[in-house]
Amino acid sequence: MKSSMSCKNSENTEEGKMSYYFSKKIQGSFDEALQKVTASLKAEGFGILTEIDVKETLKKKLDVDFQKYRILGACNPAFAYKALKAEDKIGTMLPCNVIVQEKKEGEIEVAAVDPVASMKAIENPELFSIAQQVREKLKKVVKSL
């Protein structure tokens, strides 16, 4: 599976806006990409709490065709626990979503939410520190693909 890095960070983009995700395009099958993402998340201490098959859901609910697109709700229990202790309403922003989508046959894009960008709205320095640690783990996941 070949890959090409196209990582976007929560740094300023050309338009001066903060990006809320980082991503990478890889070559191969959609199923291979899902397996690789899941294994990489596990290696960084994340489990998959939810998996939404957007293609299937849109077909079933709206009878529309859409590309292969999965939303993985990833959670690192240790960091989730720390975050919940620091801010009891943070559960509204958990788990960390990672998407796997087929851009065209053989070209898969994997993108992960940047938890630092998400946490900017919450003025809690302890939570920001946790988000930075989670960001580094998610970046490692995306870069490892």
C-alpha atoms as a PDB file:
ATOM      1  CA  MET A   1       0.000   0.000   0.000  1.00  0.00           C
ATOM      2  CA  LYS A   2       1.652   3.239  -1.165  1.00  0.00           C
ATOM      3  CA  SER A   3       1.018   6.494   0.613  1.00  0.00           C
ATOM      4  CA  SER A   4       1.435  10.200   0.128  1.00  0.00           C
ATOM      5  CA  MET A   5       1.449  12.510   3.094  1.00  0.00           C
ATOM      6  CA  SER A   6      -0.895  15.456   2.989  1.00  0.00           C
ATOM      7  CA  CYS A   7      -1.069  16.286   6.646  1.00  0.00           C
ATOM      8  CA  LYS A   8      -2.978  19.373   7.685  1.00  0.00           C
ATOM      9  CA  ASN A   9      -2.336  20.552  11.187  1.00  0.00           C
ATOM     10  CA  SER A  10      -4.059  23.067  13.437  1.00  0.00           C
ATOM     11  CA  GLU A  11      -1.658  25.656  12.231  1.00  0.00           C
ATOM     12  CA  ASN A  12      -2.739  28.563  10.103  1.00  0.00           C
ATOM     13  CA  THR A  13      -3.666  27.651   6.546  1.00  0.00           C
ATOM     14  CA  GLU A  14      -3.220  29.918   3.541  1.00  0.00           C
ATOM     15  CA  GLU A  15      -6.583  31.525   4.277  1.00  0.00           C
ATOM     16  CA  GLY A  16      -5.498  32.275   7.845  1.00  0.00           C
ATOM     17  CA  LYS A  17      -8.016  29.759   9.235  1.00  0.00           C
ATOM     18  CA  MET A  18      -7.271  26.979  11.674  1.00  0.00           C
ATOM     19  CA  SER A  19      -7.606  23.495  10.257  1.00  0.00           C
ATOM     20  CA  TYR A  20      -9.597  21.059  12.364  1.00  0.00           C
ATOM     21  CA  TYR A  21      -8.062  17.848  11.024  1.00  0.00           C
ATOM     22  CA  PHE A  22      -4.984  16.245   9.554  1.00  0.00           C
ATOM     23  CA  SER A  23      -5.044  13.742   6.717  1.00  0.00           C
ATOM     24  CA  LYS A  24      -3.087  11.461   4.470  1.00  0.00           C
ATOM     25  CA  LYS A  25      -3.837   9.813   1.143  1.00  0.00           C
ATOM     26  CA  ILE A  26      -2.784   6.211   0.671  1.00  0.00           C
ATOM     27  CA  GLN A  27      -2.983   3.770  -2.211  1.00  0.00           C
ATOM     28  CA  GLY A  28      -4.707   0.410  -1.857  1.00  0.00           C
ATOM     29  CA  SER A  29      -8.078  -1.059  -1.112  1.00  0.00           C
ATOM     30  CA  PHE A  30     -10.622   0.465   1.223  1.00  0.00           C
ATOM     31  CA  ASP A  31     -10.752  -2.662   3.394  1.00  0.00           C
ATOM     32  CA  GLU A  32      -6.951  -2.763   3.694  1.00  0.00           C
ATOM     33  CA  ALA A  33      -6.963   0.877   4.738  1.00  0.00           C
ATOM     34  CA  LEU A  34      -9.611   0.240   7.406  1.00  0.00           C
ATOM     35  CA  GLN A  35      -7.576  -2.642   8.814  1.00  0.00           C
ATOM     36  CA  LYS A  36      -4.384  -0.605   8.798  1.00  0.00           C
ATOM     37  CA  VAL A  37      -6.035   2.405  10.486  1.00  0.00           C
ATOM     38  CA  THR A  38      -7.608   0.193  13.160  1.00  0.00           C
ATOM     39  CA  ALA A  39      -4.277  -1.524  13.867  1.00  0.00           C
ATOM     40  CA  SER A  40      -2.426   1.797  14.005  1.00  0.00           C
ATOM     41  CA  LEU A  41      -5.003   3.248  16.407  1.00  0.00           C
ATOM     42  CA  LYS A  42      -4.680   0.172  18.606  1.00  0.00           C
ATOM     43  CA  ALA A  43      -0.893   0.547  18.649  1.00  0.00           C
ATOM     44  CA  GLU A  44      -1.361   4.073  20.048  1.00  0.00           C
ATOM     45  CA  GLY A  45      -3.807   2.903  22.747  1.00  0.00           C
ATOM     46  CA  PHE A  46      -7.078   3.711  20.975  1.00  0.00           C
ATOM     47  CA  GLY A  47     -10.061   1.434  20.628  1.00  0.00           C
ATOM     48  CA  ILE A  48     -12.930   1.850  18.186  1.00  0.00           C
ATOM     49  CA  LEU A  49     -16.135   2.585  20.116  1.00  0.00           C
ATOM     50  CA  THR A  50     -18.316   3.288  17.107  1.00  0.00           C
ATOM     51  CA  GLU A  51     -18.136   2.651  13.387  1.00  0.00           C
ATOM     52  CA  ILE A  52     -20.541   4.360  11.036  1.00  0.00           C
ATOM     53  CA  ASP A  53     -20.785   3.168   7.446  1.00  0.00           C
ATOM     54  CA  VAL A  54     -21.902   6.418   5.825  1.00  0.00           C
ATOM     55  CA  LYS A  55     -22.319   4.862   2.361  1.00  0.00           C
ATOM     56  CA  GLU A  56     -24.653   2.184   3.701  1.00  0.00           C
ATOM     57  CA  THR A  57     -26.574   4.591   5.925  1.00  0.00           C
ATOM     58  CA  LEU A  58     -27.183   7.108   3.130  1.00  0.00           C
ATOM     59  CA  LYS A  59     -28.323   4.343   0.789  1.00  0.00           C
ATOM     60  CA  LYS A  60     -30.700   2.947   3.398  1.00  0.00           C
ATOM     61  CA  LYS A  61     -32.112   6.257   4.657  1.00  0.00           C
ATOM     62  CA  LEU A  62     -32.081   8.419   1.522  1.00  0.00           C
ATOM     63  CA  ASP A  63     -31.579   5.916  -1.311  1.00  0.00           C
ATOM     64  CA  VAL A  64     -28.537   7.852  -2.546  1.00  0.00           C
ATOM     65  CA  ASP A  65     -25.201   6.506  -3.705  1.00  0.00           C
ATOM     66  CA  PHE A  66     -22.087   7.741  -1.938  1.00  0.00           C
ATOM     67  CA  GLN A  67     -18.425   6.713  -1.940  1.00  0.00           C
ATOM     68  CA  LYS A  68     -17.076   4.273   0.636  1.00  0.00           C
ATOM     69  CA  TYR A  69     -16.841   6.368   3.796  1.00  0.00           C
ATOM     70  CA  ARG A  70     -16.464   5.198   7.404  1.00  0.00           C
ATOM     71  CA  ILE A  71     -16.401   7.230  10.563  1.00  0.00           C
ATOM     72  CA  LEU A  72     -14.449   5.530  13.332  1.00  0.00           C
ATOM     73  CA  GLY A  73     -15.115   6.792  16.840  1.00  0.00           C
ATOM     74  CA  ALA A  74     -11.718   6.239  18.453  1.00  0.00           C
ATOM     75  CA  CYS A  75     -11.103   6.463  22.171  1.00  0.00           C
ATOM     76  CA  ASN A  76      -7.994   6.222  24.300  1.00  0.00           C
ATOM     77  CA  PRO A  77      -9.457   5.296  27.715  1.00  0.00           C
ATOM     78  CA  ALA A  78      -6.641   6.801  29.785  1.00  0.00           C
ATOM     79  CA  PHE A  79      -6.876  10.176  28.055  1.00  0.00           C
ATOM     80  CA  ALA A  80     -10.687  10.096  28.021  1.00  0.00           C
ATOM     81  CA  TYR A  81     -10.669   9.545  31.782  1.00  0.00           C
ATOM     82  CA  LYS A  82      -8.254  12.445  32.333  1.00  0.00           C
ATOM     83  CA  ALA A  83     -10.343  14.698  30.085  1.00  0.00           C
ATOM     84  CA  LEU A  84     -13.586  13.785  31.864  1.00  0.00           C
ATOM     85  CA  LYS A  85     -11.985  14.550  35.229  1.00  0.00           C
ATOM     86  CA  ALA A  86     -10.789  17.929  33.922  1.00  0.00           C
ATOM     87  CA  GLU A  87     -14.113  18.859  32.279  1.00  0.00           C
ATOM     88  CA  ASP A  88     -17.236  16.799  32.959  1.00  0.00           C
ATOM     89  CA  LYS A  89     -19.087  17.978  29.803  1.00  0.00           C
ATOM     90  CA  ILE A  90     -16.219  16.984  27.495  1.00  0.00           C
ATOM     91  CA  GLY A  91     -18.119  13.800  26.684  1.00  0.00           C
ATOM     92  CA  THR A  92     -20.054  15.913  24.187  1.00  0.00           C
ATOM     93  CA  MET A  93     -16.856  16.003  22.124  1.00  0.00           C
ATOM     94  CA  LEU A  94     -15.782  12.391  22.550  1.00  0.00           C
ATOM     95  CA  PRO A  95     -14.748  10.081  20.941  1.00  0.00           C
ATOM     96  CA  CYS A  96     -12.126  11.366  18.509  1.00  0.00           C
ATOM     97  CA  ASN A  97     -13.385  10.782  14.987  1.00  0.00           C
ATOM     98  CA  VAL A  98     -11.197   9.311  12.274  1.00  0.00           C
ATOM     99  CA  ILE A  99     -12.573   8.991   8.754  1.00  0.00           C
ATOM    100  CA  VAL A 100     -11.577   6.592   6.011  1.00  0.00           C
ATOM    101  CA  GLN A 101     -12.955   7.463   2.592  1.00  0.00           C
ATOM    102  CA  GLU A 102     -12.391   6.203  -0.919  1.00  0.00           C
ATOM    103  CA  LYS A 103     -11.660   9.248  -3.066  1.00  0.00           C
ATOM    104  CA  LYS A 104     -11.457   7.071  -6.184  1.00  0.00           C
ATOM    105  CA  GLU A 105     -10.756   3.389  -6.659  1.00  0.00           C
ATOM    106  CA  GLY A 106      -7.409   2.590  -5.081  1.00  0.00           C
ATOM    107  CA  GLU A 107      -7.022   6.055  -3.481  1.00  0.00           C
ATOM    108  CA  ILE A 108      -8.022   6.282   0.153  1.00  0.00           C
ATOM    109  CA  GLU A 109      -7.926   9.341   2.382  1.00  0.00           C
ATOM    110  CA  VAL A 110      -7.648   9.002   6.132  1.00  0.00           C
ATOM    111  CA  ALA A 111      -8.372  12.061   8.262  1.00  0.00           C
ATOM    112  CA  ALA A 112      -8.437  12.560  12.016  1.00  0.00           C
ATOM    113  CA  VAL A 113      -9.916  15.356  14.043  1.00  0.00           C
ATOM    114  CA  ASP A 114      -7.363  17.644  15.650  1.00  0.00           C
ATOM    115  CA  PRO A 115      -8.376  17.600  19.321  1.00  0.00           C
ATOM    116  CA  VAL A 116      -6.429  20.805  19.990  1.00  0.00           C
ATOM    117  CA  ALA A 117      -8.604  22.682  17.496  1.00  0.00           C
ATOM    118  CA  SER A 118     -11.716  21.163  19.109  1.00  0.00           C
ATOM    119  CA  MET A 119     -10.651  22.131  22.611  1.00  0.00           C
ATOM    120  CA  LYS A 120      -9.878  25.776  21.795  1.00  0.00           C
ATOM    121  CA  ALA A 121     -13.509  26.628  22.531  1.00  0.00           C
ATOM    122  CA  ILE A 122     -13.116  25.368  26.096  1.00  0.00           C
ATOM    123  CA  GLU A 123     -11.051  27.561  28.368  1.00  0.00           C
ATOM    124  CA  ASN A 124      -9.420  24.856  30.474  1.00  0.00           C
ATOM    125  CA  PRO A 125      -5.590  24.668  30.429  1.00  0.00           C
ATOM    126  CA  GLU A 126      -5.582  21.125  31.839  1.00  0.00           C
ATOM    127  CA  LEU A 127      -7.839  19.957  29.014  1.00  0.00           C
ATOM    128  CA  PHE A 128      -5.682  21.733  26.427  1.00  0.00           C
ATOM    129  CA  SER A 129      -2.636  19.827  27.685  1.00  0.00           C
ATOM    130  CA  ILE A 130      -4.485  16.510  27.343  1.00  0.00           C
ATOM    131  CA  ALA A 131      -5.643  17.471  23.834  1.00  0.00           C
ATOM    132  CA  GLN A 132      -2.038  18.165  22.801  1.00  0.00           C
ATOM    133  CA  GLN A 133      -1.011  14.670  23.911  1.00  0.00           C
ATOM    134  CA  VAL A 134      -3.923  13.055  22.060  1.00  0.00           C
ATOM    135  CA  ARG A 135      -3.087  15.142  18.978  1.00  0.00           C
ATOM    136  CA  GLU A 136       0.434  13.718  18.906  1.00  0.00           C
ATOM    137  CA  LYS A 137      -0.889  10.152  19.134  1.00  0.00           C
ATOM    138  CA  LEU A 138      -3.417  10.726  16.337  1.00  0.00           C
ATOM    139  CA  LYS A 139      -0.735  12.360  14.174  1.00  0.00           C
ATOM    140  CA  LYS A 140       1.441   9.272  14.677  1.00  0.00           C
ATOM    141  CA  VAL A 141      -1.477   7.100  13.560  1.00  0.00           C
ATOM    142  CA  VAL A 142      -2.005   9.094  10.358  1.00  0.00           C
ATOM    143  CA  LYS A 143       1.711   9.383   9.571  1.00  0.00           C
ATOM    144  CA  SER A 144       2.240   5.637  10.081  1.00  0.00           C
ATOM    145  CA  LEU A 145      -0.117   4.701   7.242  1.00  0.00           C
END
